[in-house]
ModelCIF file with pLDDT and N, C-alpha, C, O atoms, coordinates in Angstrom:
data_MODEL
#
_entry.id   MODEL 
#
_entity.id                         1 
_entity.type                       polymer 
_entity.pdbx_number_of_molecules   1 
#
_entity_poly.entity_id                      1 
_entity_poly.type                           'polypeptide(L)' 
_entity_poly.nstd_linkage                   no 
_entity_poly.nstd_monomer                   no 
_entity_poly.pdbx_seq_one_letter_code       LANREGLLQLREAIDIALQNGEYRHVTSSSDGDGYDLLIKRIEE 
_entity_poly.pdbx_seq_one_letter_code_can   LANREGLLQLREAIDIALQNGEYRHVTSSSDGDGYDLLIKRIEE 
_entity_poly.pdbx_strand_id                 A 
#
loop_
_entity_poly_seq.entity_id 
_entity_poly_seq.num 
_entity_poly_seq.mon_id 
_entity_poly_seq.hetero 
1 1  LEU n 
1 2  ALA n 
1 3  ASN n 
1 4  ARG n 
1 5  GLU n 
1 6  GLY n 
1 7  LEU n 
1 8  LEU n 
1 9  GLN n 
1 10 LEU n 
1 11 ARG n 
1 12 GLU n 
1 13 ALA n 
1 14 ILE n 
1 15 ASP n 
1 16 ILE n 
1 17 ALA n 
1 18 LEU n 
1 19 GLN n 
1 20 ASN n 
1 21 GLY n 
1 22 GLU n 
1 23 TYR n 
1 24 ARG n 
1 25 HIS n 
1 26 VAL n 
1 27 THR n 
1 28 SER n 
1 29 SER n 
1 30 SER n 
1 31 ASP n 
1 32 GLY n 
1 33 ASP n 
1 34 GLY n 
1 35 TYR n 
1 36 ASP n 
1 37 LEU n 
1 38 LEU n 
1 39 ILE n 
1 40 LYS n 
1 41 ARG n 
1 42 ILE n 
1 43 GLU n 
1 44 GLU n 
#
_struct_asym.id          A 
_struct_asym.entity_id   1 
#
loop_
_ma_qa_metric.id 
_ma_qa_metric.mode 
_ma_qa_metric.name 
_ma_qa_metric.software_group_id 
_ma_qa_metric.type 
1 global pLDDT . pLDDT 
2 local  pLDDT . pLDDT 
#
_ma_qa_metric_global.metric_id      1 
_ma_qa_metric_global.metric_value   91.16 
_ma_qa_metric_global.model_id       1 
_ma_qa_metric_global.ordinal_id     1 
#
loop_
_ma_qa_metric_local.label_asym_id 
_ma_qa_metric_local.label_comp_id 
_ma_qa_metric_local.label_seq_id 
_ma_qa_metric_local.metric_id 
_ma_qa_metric_local.metric_value 
_ma_qa_metric_local.model_id 
_ma_qa_metric_local.ordinal_id 
A LEU 1  2 96.00 1 1  
A ALA 2  2 95.00 1 2  
A ASN 3  2 93.00 1 3  
A ARG 4  2 91.00 1 4  
A GLU 5  2 89.00 1 5  
A GLY 6  2 91.00 1 6  
A LEU 7  2 94.00 1 7  
A LEU 8  2 91.00 1 8  
A GLN 9  2 90.00 1 9  
A LEU 10 2 94.00 1 10 
A ARG 11 2 95.00 1 11 
A GLU 12 2 91.00 1 12 
A ALA 13 2 92.00 1 13 
A ILE 14 2 95.00 1 14 
A ASP 15 2 94.00 1 15 
A ILE 16 2 92.00 1 16 
A ALA 17 2 93.00 1 17 
A LEU 18 2 94.00 1 18 
A GLN 19 2 92.00 1 19 
A ASN 20 2 91.00 1 20 
A GLY 21 2 92.00 1 21 
A GLU 22 2 93.00 1 22 
A TYR 23 2 93.00 1 23 
A ARG 24 2 90.00 1 24 
A HIS 25 2 90.00 1 25 
A VAL 26 2 86.00 1 26 
A THR 27 2 88.00 1 27 
A SER 28 2 88.00 1 28 
A SER 29 2 90.00 1 29 
A SER 30 2 88.00 1 30 
A ASP 31 2 87.00 1 31 
A GLY 32 2 83.00 1 32 
A ASP 33 2 86.00 1 33 
A GLY 34 2 86.00 1 34 
A TYR 35 2 89.00 1 35 
A ASP 36 2 90.00 1 36 
A LEU 37 2 93.00 1 37 
A LEU 38 2 94.00 1 38 
A ILE 39 2 96.00 1 39 
A LYS 40 2 95.00 1 40 
A ARG 41 2 95.00 1 41 
A ILE 42 2 92.00 1 42 
A GLU 43 2 89.00 1 43 
A GLU 44 2 85.00 1 44 
#
loop_
_atom_site.group_PDB 
_atom_site.id 
_atom_site.type_symbol 
_atom_site.label_atom_id 
_atom_site.label_alt_id 
_atom_site.label_comp_id 
_atom_site.label_asym_id 
_atom_site.label_entity_id 
_atom_site.label_seq_id 
_atom_site.pdbx_PDB_ins_code 
_atom_site.Cartn_x 
_atom_site.Cartn_y 
_atom_site.Cartn_z 
_atom_site.occupancy 
_atom_site.B_iso_or_equiv 
_atom_site.pdbx_formal_charge 
_atom_site.auth_seq_id 
_atom_site.auth_comp_id 
_atom_site.auth_asym_id 
_atom_site.auth_atom_id 
_atom_site.pdbx_PDB_model_num 
ATOM 1   N N  . LEU A 1 1  ? 157.418 126.957 204.796 1.00 96.00 ? 1  LEU A N  1 
ATOM 2   C CA . LEU A 1 1  ? 156.211 127.269 205.256 1.00 96.00 ? 1  LEU A CA 1 
ATOM 3   C C  . LEU A 1 1  ? 155.662 129.373 204.813 1.00 96.00 ? 1  LEU A C  1 
ATOM 4   O O  . LEU A 1 1  ? 156.280 130.276 205.377 1.00 96.00 ? 1  LEU A O  1 
ATOM 5   N N  . ALA A 1 2  ? 155.156 129.512 204.368 1.00 95.00 ? 2  ALA A N  1 
ATOM 6   C CA . ALA A 1 2  ? 154.524 130.149 203.041 1.00 95.00 ? 2  ALA A CA 1 
ATOM 7   C C  . ALA A 1 2  ? 153.295 130.652 203.767 1.00 95.00 ? 2  ALA A C  1 
ATOM 8   O O  . ALA A 1 2  ? 152.735 129.928 204.591 1.00 95.00 ? 2  ALA A O  1 
ATOM 9   N N  . ASN A 1 3  ? 152.675 132.378 203.374 1.00 93.00 ? 3  ASN A N  1 
ATOM 10  C CA . ASN A 1 3  ? 151.245 132.270 203.221 1.00 93.00 ? 3  ASN A CA 1 
ATOM 11  C C  . ASN A 1 3  ? 150.844 133.171 202.366 1.00 93.00 ? 3  ASN A C  1 
ATOM 12  O O  . ASN A 1 3  ? 151.272 134.267 202.728 1.00 93.00 ? 3  ASN A O  1 
ATOM 13  N N  . ARG A 1 4  ? 149.887 133.282 200.868 1.00 91.00 ? 4  ARG A N  1 
ATOM 14  C CA . ARG A 1 4  ? 149.544 132.785 199.778 1.00 91.00 ? 4  ARG A CA 1 
ATOM 15  C C  . ARG A 1 4  ? 150.509 134.146 199.473 1.00 91.00 ? 4  ARG A C  1 
ATOM 16  O O  . ARG A 1 4  ? 151.435 133.797 198.740 1.00 91.00 ? 4  ARG A O  1 
ATOM 17  N N  . GLU A 1 5  ? 150.566 135.258 199.730 1.00 89.00 ? 5  GLU A N  1 
ATOM 18  C CA . GLU A 1 5  ? 151.999 136.488 199.355 1.00 89.00 ? 5  GLU A CA 1 
ATOM 19  C C  . GLU A 1 5  ? 152.966 135.824 198.737 1.00 89.00 ? 5  GLU A C  1 
ATOM 20  O O  . GLU A 1 5  ? 153.247 135.701 197.545 1.00 89.00 ? 5  GLU A O  1 
ATOM 21  N N  . GLY A 1 6  ? 153.492 135.365 199.831 1.00 91.00 ? 6  GLY A N  1 
ATOM 22  C CA . GLY A 1 6  ? 155.208 134.527 199.357 1.00 91.00 ? 6  GLY A CA 1 
ATOM 23  C C  . GLY A 1 6  ? 155.135 133.283 199.440 1.00 91.00 ? 6  GLY A C  1 
ATOM 24  O O  . GLY A 1 6  ? 155.886 132.579 200.116 1.00 91.00 ? 6  GLY A O  1 
ATOM 25  N N  . LEU A 1 7  ? 154.183 132.895 198.727 1.00 94.00 ? 7  LEU A N  1 
ATOM 26  C CA . LEU A 1 7  ? 154.561 131.898 197.823 1.00 94.00 ? 7  LEU A CA 1 
ATOM 27  C C  . LEU A 1 7  ? 154.057 132.555 196.170 1.00 94.00 ? 7  LEU A C  1 
ATOM 28  O O  . LEU A 1 7  ? 154.923 132.287 195.336 1.00 94.00 ? 7  LEU A O  1 
ATOM 29  N N  . LEU A 1 8  ? 153.173 133.129 195.735 1.00 91.00 ? 8  LEU A N  1 
ATOM 30  C CA . LEU A 1 8  ? 152.979 134.151 194.765 1.00 91.00 ? 8  LEU A CA 1 
ATOM 31  C C  . LEU A 1 8  ? 154.227 134.596 194.096 1.00 91.00 ? 8  LEU A C  1 
ATOM 32  O O  . LEU A 1 8  ? 154.689 134.477 192.961 1.00 91.00 ? 8  LEU A O  1 
ATOM 33  N N  . GLN A 1 9  ? 154.823 135.464 195.833 1.00 90.00 ? 9  GLN A N  1 
ATOM 34  C CA . GLN A 1 9  ? 156.016 135.666 194.985 1.00 90.00 ? 9  GLN A CA 1 
ATOM 35  C C  . GLN A 1 9  ? 157.697 134.304 194.488 1.00 90.00 ? 9  GLN A C  1 
ATOM 36  O O  . GLN A 1 9  ? 158.455 134.317 193.518 1.00 90.00 ? 9  GLN A O  1 
ATOM 37  N N  . LEU A 1 10 ? 157.608 133.220 195.888 1.00 94.00 ? 10 LEU A N  1 
ATOM 38  C CA . LEU A 1 10 ? 158.329 132.325 195.148 1.00 94.00 ? 10 LEU A CA 1 
ATOM 39  C C  . LEU A 1 10 ? 158.123 132.001 193.689 1.00 94.00 ? 10 LEU A C  1 
ATOM 40  O O  . LEU A 1 10 ? 158.662 131.144 192.988 1.00 94.00 ? 10 LEU A O  1 
ATOM 41  N N  . ARG A 1 11 ? 157.332 132.780 193.450 1.00 95.00 ? 11 ARG A N  1 
ATOM 42  C CA . ARG A 1 11 ? 156.775 131.689 191.721 1.00 95.00 ? 11 ARG A CA 1 
ATOM 43  C C  . ARG A 1 11 ? 157.368 132.825 190.972 1.00 95.00 ? 11 ARG A C  1 
ATOM 44  O O  . ARG A 1 11 ? 158.219 132.790 190.083 1.00 95.00 ? 11 ARG A O  1 
ATOM 45  N N  . GLU A 1 12 ? 156.934 133.544 191.346 1.00 91.00 ? 12 GLU A N  1 
ATOM 46  C CA . GLU A 1 12 ? 157.950 134.745 190.225 1.00 91.00 ? 12 GLU A CA 1 
ATOM 47  C C  . GLU A 1 12 ? 159.136 135.017 190.193 1.00 91.00 ? 12 GLU A C  1 
ATOM 48  O O  . GLU A 1 12 ? 159.686 135.508 189.207 1.00 91.00 ? 12 GLU A O  1 
ATOM 49  N N  . ALA A 1 13 ? 159.979 134.602 191.786 1.00 92.00 ? 13 ALA A N  1 
ATOM 50  C CA . ALA A 1 13 ? 161.173 134.762 191.717 1.00 92.00 ? 13 ALA A CA 1 
ATOM 51  C C  . ALA A 1 13 ? 161.853 133.604 191.177 1.00 92.00 ? 13 ALA A C  1 
ATOM 52  O O  . ALA A 1 13 ? 162.917 133.659 190.560 1.00 92.00 ? 13 ALA A O  1 
ATOM 53  N N  . ILE A 1 14 ? 160.850 132.002 191.567 1.00 95.00 ? 14 ILE A N  1 
ATOM 54  C CA . ILE A 1 14 ? 161.374 131.223 190.522 1.00 95.00 ? 14 ILE A CA 1 
ATOM 55  C C  . ILE A 1 14 ? 161.535 131.208 188.574 1.00 95.00 ? 14 ILE A C  1 
ATOM 56  O O  . ILE A 1 14 ? 162.159 130.592 187.710 1.00 95.00 ? 14 ILE A O  1 
ATOM 57  N N  . ASP A 1 15 ? 160.911 131.891 188.641 1.00 94.00 ? 15 ASP A N  1 
ATOM 58  C CA . ASP A 1 15 ? 160.095 131.950 187.318 1.00 94.00 ? 15 ASP A CA 1 
ATOM 59  C C  . ASP A 1 15 ? 161.419 132.927 186.771 1.00 94.00 ? 15 ASP A C  1 
ATOM 60  O O  . ASP A 1 15 ? 161.966 132.757 185.681 1.00 94.00 ? 15 ASP A O  1 
ATOM 61  N N  . ILE A 1 16 ? 161.745 133.822 187.621 1.00 92.00 ? 16 ILE A N  1 
ATOM 62  C CA . ILE A 1 16 ? 163.308 134.485 187.002 1.00 92.00 ? 16 ILE A CA 1 
ATOM 63  C C  . ILE A 1 16 ? 164.364 133.865 186.812 1.00 92.00 ? 16 ILE A C  1 
ATOM 64  O O  . ILE A 1 16 ? 165.109 134.083 185.856 1.00 92.00 ? 16 ILE A O  1 
ATOM 65  N N  . ALA A 1 17 ? 164.530 133.162 187.543 1.00 93.00 ? 17 ALA A N  1 
ATOM 66  C CA . ALA A 1 17 ? 166.006 132.179 188.037 1.00 93.00 ? 17 ALA A CA 1 
ATOM 67  C C  . ALA A 1 17 ? 166.198 131.335 186.709 1.00 93.00 ? 17 ALA A C  1 
ATOM 68  O O  . ALA A 1 17 ? 167.233 131.139 186.073 1.00 93.00 ? 17 ALA A O  1 
ATOM 69  N N  . LEU A 1 18 ? 164.689 130.815 186.430 1.00 94.00 ? 18 LEU A N  1 
ATOM 70  C CA . LEU A 1 18 ? 164.493 129.839 185.267 1.00 94.00 ? 18 LEU A CA 1 
ATOM 71  C C  . LEU A 1 18 ? 164.740 129.937 184.033 1.00 94.00 ? 18 LEU A C  1 
ATOM 72  O O  . LEU A 1 18 ? 165.146 129.049 183.283 1.00 94.00 ? 18 LEU A O  1 
ATOM 73  N N  . GLN A 1 19 ? 164.427 131.347 183.721 1.00 92.00 ? 19 GLN A N  1 
ATOM 74  C CA . GLN A 1 19 ? 165.003 132.252 182.694 1.00 92.00 ? 19 GLN A CA 1 
ATOM 75  C C  . GLN A 1 19 ? 165.905 133.048 182.257 1.00 92.00 ? 19 GLN A C  1 
ATOM 76  O O  . GLN A 1 19 ? 166.275 133.336 181.119 1.00 92.00 ? 19 GLN A O  1 
ATOM 77  N N  . ASN A 1 20 ? 166.347 133.503 183.687 1.00 91.00 ? 20 ASN A N  1 
ATOM 78  C CA . ASN A 1 20 ? 168.246 134.135 183.317 1.00 91.00 ? 20 ASN A CA 1 
ATOM 79  C C  . ASN A 1 20 ? 169.512 133.159 184.845 1.00 91.00 ? 20 ASN A C  1 
ATOM 80  O O  . ASN A 1 20 ? 170.650 133.201 185.312 1.00 91.00 ? 20 ASN A O  1 
ATOM 81  N N  . GLY A 1 21 ? 168.728 132.725 184.923 1.00 92.00 ? 21 GLY A N  1 
ATOM 82  C CA . GLY A 1 21 ? 169.920 131.629 185.747 1.00 92.00 ? 21 GLY A CA 1 
ATOM 83  C C  . GLY A 1 21 ? 169.821 132.077 187.072 1.00 92.00 ? 21 GLY A C  1 
ATOM 84  O O  . GLY A 1 21 ? 169.398 131.448 188.042 1.00 92.00 ? 21 GLY A O  1 
ATOM 85  N N  . GLU A 1 22 ? 170.069 132.738 187.043 1.00 93.00 ? 22 GLU A N  1 
ATOM 86  C CA . GLU A 1 22 ? 169.533 133.064 188.885 1.00 93.00 ? 22 GLU A CA 1 
ATOM 87  C C  . GLU A 1 22 ? 168.689 134.299 189.550 1.00 93.00 ? 22 GLU A C  1 
ATOM 88  O O  . GLU A 1 22 ? 168.093 134.997 188.730 1.00 93.00 ? 22 GLU A O  1 
ATOM 89  N N  . TYR A 1 23 ? 168.562 134.652 190.900 1.00 93.00 ? 23 TYR A N  1 
ATOM 90  C CA . TYR A 1 23 ? 167.781 135.181 190.982 1.00 93.00 ? 23 TYR A CA 1 
ATOM 91  C C  . TYR A 1 23 ? 167.900 135.306 192.798 1.00 93.00 ? 23 TYR A C  1 
ATOM 92  O O  . TYR A 1 23 ? 167.886 134.398 193.629 1.00 93.00 ? 23 TYR A O  1 
ATOM 93  N N  . ARG A 1 24 ? 168.016 136.799 192.988 1.00 90.00 ? 24 ARG A N  1 
ATOM 94  C CA . ARG A 1 24 ? 168.005 136.710 195.099 1.00 90.00 ? 24 ARG A CA 1 
ATOM 95  C C  . ARG A 1 24 ? 166.580 136.832 195.420 1.00 90.00 ? 24 ARG A C  1 
ATOM 96  O O  . ARG A 1 24 ? 165.942 137.520 194.623 1.00 90.00 ? 24 ARG A O  1 
ATOM 97  N N  . HIS A 1 25 ? 165.612 136.074 196.891 1.00 90.00 ? 25 HIS A N  1 
ATOM 98  C CA . HIS A 1 25 ? 164.124 136.897 196.570 1.00 90.00 ? 25 HIS A CA 1 
ATOM 99  C C  . HIS A 1 25 ? 164.340 137.639 197.936 1.00 90.00 ? 25 HIS A C  1 
ATOM 100 O O  . HIS A 1 25 ? 165.289 137.362 198.670 1.00 90.00 ? 25 HIS A O  1 
ATOM 101 N N  . VAL A 1 26 ? 163.333 138.671 198.259 1.00 86.00 ? 26 VAL A N  1 
ATOM 102 C CA . VAL A 1 26 ? 163.771 139.000 199.823 1.00 86.00 ? 26 VAL A CA 1 
ATOM 103 C C  . VAL A 1 26 ? 162.331 138.832 200.180 1.00 86.00 ? 26 VAL A C  1 
ATOM 104 O O  . VAL A 1 26 ? 161.315 139.268 199.640 1.00 86.00 ? 26 VAL A O  1 
ATOM 105 N N  . THR A 1 27 ? 162.533 138.007 201.345 1.00 88.00 ? 27 THR A N  1 
ATOM 106 C CA . THR A 1 27 ? 161.380 137.166 201.927 1.00 88.00 ? 27 THR A CA 1 
ATOM 107 C C  . THR A 1 27 ? 161.397 138.114 203.284 1.00 88.00 ? 27 THR A C  1 
ATOM 108 O O  . THR A 1 27 ? 162.123 139.062 203.583 1.00 88.00 ? 27 THR A O  1 
ATOM 109 N N  . SER A 1 28 ? 160.281 137.462 204.000 1.00 88.00 ? 28 SER A N  1 
ATOM 110 C CA . SER A 1 28 ? 160.262 137.980 205.503 1.00 88.00 ? 28 SER A CA 1 
ATOM 111 C C  . SER A 1 28 ? 160.119 136.120 207.118 1.00 88.00 ? 28 SER A C  1 
ATOM 112 O O  . SER A 1 28 ? 159.610 135.237 206.428 1.00 88.00 ? 28 SER A O  1 
ATOM 113 N N  . SER A 1 29 ? 160.208 135.883 207.678 1.00 90.00 ? 29 SER A N  1 
ATOM 114 C CA . SER A 1 29 ? 160.604 134.880 208.910 1.00 90.00 ? 29 SER A CA 1 
ATOM 115 C C  . SER A 1 29 ? 158.912 135.247 209.682 1.00 90.00 ? 29 SER A C  1 
ATOM 116 O O  . SER A 1 29 ? 158.577 136.418 209.501 1.00 90.00 ? 29 SER A O  1 
ATOM 117 N N  . SER A 1 30 ? 158.228 134.672 210.214 1.00 88.00 ? 30 SER A N  1 
ATOM 118 C CA . SER A 1 30 ? 157.844 134.884 210.562 1.00 88.00 ? 30 SER A CA 1 
ATOM 119 C C  . SER A 1 30 ? 157.903 136.241 211.922 1.00 88.00 ? 30 SER A C  1 
ATOM 120 O O  . SER A 1 30 ? 157.187 137.181 212.267 1.00 88.00 ? 30 SER A O  1 
ATOM 121 N N  . ASP A 1 31 ? 159.056 135.696 212.304 1.00 87.00 ? 31 ASP A N  1 
ATOM 122 C CA . ASP A 1 31 ? 159.393 137.619 213.205 1.00 87.00 ? 31 ASP A CA 1 
ATOM 123 C C  . ASP A 1 31 ? 158.923 138.854 213.096 1.00 87.00 ? 31 ASP A C  1 
ATOM 124 O O  . ASP A 1 31 ? 158.334 139.717 213.747 1.00 87.00 ? 31 ASP A O  1 
ATOM 125 N N  . GLY A 1 32 ? 159.564 138.565 211.642 1.00 83.00 ? 32 GLY A N  1 
ATOM 126 C CA . GLY A 1 32 ? 159.774 140.005 210.917 1.00 83.00 ? 32 GLY A CA 1 
ATOM 127 C C  . GLY A 1 32 ? 160.734 140.046 210.426 1.00 83.00 ? 32 GLY A C  1 
ATOM 128 O O  . GLY A 1 32 ? 160.577 140.847 209.505 1.00 83.00 ? 32 GLY A O  1 
ATOM 129 N N  . ASP A 1 33 ? 162.187 139.522 210.408 1.00 86.00 ? 33 ASP A N  1 
ATOM 130 C CA . ASP A 1 33 ? 163.336 139.586 210.267 1.00 86.00 ? 33 ASP A CA 1 
ATOM 131 C C  . ASP A 1 33 ? 162.965 138.669 208.560 1.00 86.00 ? 33 ASP A C  1 
ATOM 132 O O  . ASP A 1 33 ? 162.640 137.557 208.145 1.00 86.00 ? 33 ASP A O  1 
ATOM 133 N N  . GLY A 1 34 ? 163.433 140.642 207.845 1.00 86.00 ? 34 GLY A N  1 
ATOM 134 C CA . GLY A 1 34 ? 163.787 139.912 206.288 1.00 86.00 ? 34 GLY A CA 1 
ATOM 135 C C  . GLY A 1 34 ? 164.625 139.754 206.138 1.00 86.00 ? 34 GLY A C  1 
ATOM 136 O O  . GLY A 1 34 ? 165.414 140.336 206.882 1.00 86.00 ? 34 GLY A O  1 
ATOM 137 N N  . TYR A 1 35 ? 165.421 138.464 204.616 1.00 89.00 ? 35 TYR A N  1 
ATOM 138 C CA . TYR A 1 35 ? 166.468 137.942 204.519 1.00 89.00 ? 35 TYR A CA 1 
ATOM 139 C C  . TYR A 1 35 ? 166.153 137.373 202.651 1.00 89.00 ? 35 TYR A C  1 
ATOM 140 O O  . TYR A 1 35 ? 165.216 137.524 201.868 1.00 89.00 ? 35 TYR A O  1 
ATOM 141 N N  . ASP A 1 36 ? 167.380 136.753 202.589 1.00 90.00 ? 36 ASP A N  1 
ATOM 142 C CA . ASP A 1 36 ? 167.709 136.764 200.554 1.00 90.00 ? 36 ASP A CA 1 
ATOM 143 C C  . ASP A 1 36 ? 167.300 134.692 200.584 1.00 90.00 ? 36 ASP A C  1 
ATOM 144 O O  . ASP A 1 36 ? 167.931 133.635 200.569 1.00 90.00 ? 36 ASP A O  1 
ATOM 145 N N  . LEU A 1 37 ? 166.650 134.908 200.606 1.00 93.00 ? 37 LEU A N  1 
ATOM 146 C CA . LEU A 1 37 ? 166.722 133.205 199.099 1.00 93.00 ? 37 LEU A CA 1 
ATOM 147 C C  . LEU A 1 37 ? 167.283 133.780 198.001 1.00 93.00 ? 37 LEU A C  1 
ATOM 148 O O  . LEU A 1 37 ? 166.851 134.650 197.246 1.00 93.00 ? 37 LEU A O  1 
ATOM 149 N N  . LEU A 1 38 ? 168.960 132.787 198.028 1.00 94.00 ? 38 LEU A N  1 
ATOM 150 C CA . LEU A 1 38 ? 169.118 132.958 196.139 1.00 94.00 ? 38 LEU A CA 1 
ATOM 151 C C  . LEU A 1 38 ? 169.059 131.933 196.013 1.00 94.00 ? 38 LEU A C  1 
ATOM 152 O O  . LEU A 1 38 ? 169.575 130.979 196.595 1.00 94.00 ? 38 LEU A O  1 
ATOM 153 N N  . ILE A 1 39 ? 168.042 132.093 194.778 1.00 96.00 ? 39 ILE A N  1 
ATOM 154 C CA . ILE A 1 39 ? 168.163 130.730 193.787 1.00 96.00 ? 39 ILE A CA 1 
ATOM 155 C C  . ILE A 1 39 ? 169.139 130.363 192.245 1.00 96.00 ? 39 ILE A C  1 
ATOM 156 O O  . ILE A 1 39 ? 169.559 130.812 191.179 1.00 96.00 ? 39 ILE A O  1 
ATOM 157 N N  . LYS A 1 40 ? 169.103 129.773 192.702 1.00 95.00 ? 40 LYS A N  1 
ATOM 158 C CA . LYS A 1 40 ? 170.448 128.779 190.650 1.00 95.00 ? 40 LYS A CA 1 
ATOM 159 C C  . LYS A 1 40 ? 170.328 127.902 190.142 1.00 95.00 ? 40 LYS A C  1 
ATOM 160 O O  . LYS A 1 40 ? 170.786 126.819 190.507 1.00 95.00 ? 40 LYS A O  1 
ATOM 161 N N  . ARG A 1 41 ? 169.556 128.143 188.964 1.00 95.00 ? 41 ARG A N  1 
ATOM 162 C CA . ARG A 1 41 ? 169.240 127.223 188.380 1.00 95.00 ? 41 ARG A CA 1 
ATOM 163 C C  . ARG A 1 41 ? 170.446 126.407 187.810 1.00 95.00 ? 41 ARG A C  1 
ATOM 164 O O  . ARG A 1 41 ? 171.186 126.935 186.979 1.00 95.00 ? 41 ARG A O  1 
ATOM 165 N N  . ILE A 1 42 ? 170.626 125.311 188.182 1.00 92.00 ? 42 ILE A N  1 
ATOM 166 C CA . ILE A 1 42 ? 172.211 124.592 187.565 1.00 92.00 ? 42 ILE A CA 1 
ATOM 167 C C  . ILE A 1 42 ? 171.925 123.952 186.991 1.00 92.00 ? 42 ILE A C  1 
ATOM 168 O O  . ILE A 1 42 ? 170.902 123.275 186.885 1.00 92.00 ? 42 ILE A O  1 
ATOM 169 N N  . GLU A 1 43 ? 173.457 124.109 186.112 1.00 89.00 ? 43 GLU A N  1 
ATOM 170 C CA . GLU A 1 43 ? 173.341 123.462 184.904 1.00 89.00 ? 43 GLU A CA 1 
ATOM 171 C C  . GLU A 1 43 ? 174.088 122.422 184.723 1.00 89.00 ? 43 GLU A C  1 
ATOM 172 O O  . GLU A 1 43 ? 174.731 121.966 185.669 1.00 89.00 ? 43 GLU A O  1 
ATOM 173 N N  . GLU A 1 44 ? 174.140 121.868 183.498 1.00 85.00 ? 44 GLU A N  1 
ATOM 174 C CA . GLU A 1 44 ? 174.563 119.796 183.225 1.00 85.00 ? 44 GLU A CA 1 
ATOM 175 C C  . GLU A 1 44 ? 175.845 120.057 183.504 1.00 85.00 ? 44 GLU A C  1 
ATOM 176 O O  . GLU A 1 44 ? 176.675 119.147 183.502 1.00 85.00 ? 44 GLU A O  1 
#
């Protein structure tokens, strides 16, 4: 679940992970607490 800004930033983070292998995306839950989403492109 995400608002529009959250989805747009996630898309950008996925693009960076696709290009570089991994990336840490910082976002927030509904209570306002921030957290890290670590994205990894798994190799064969």
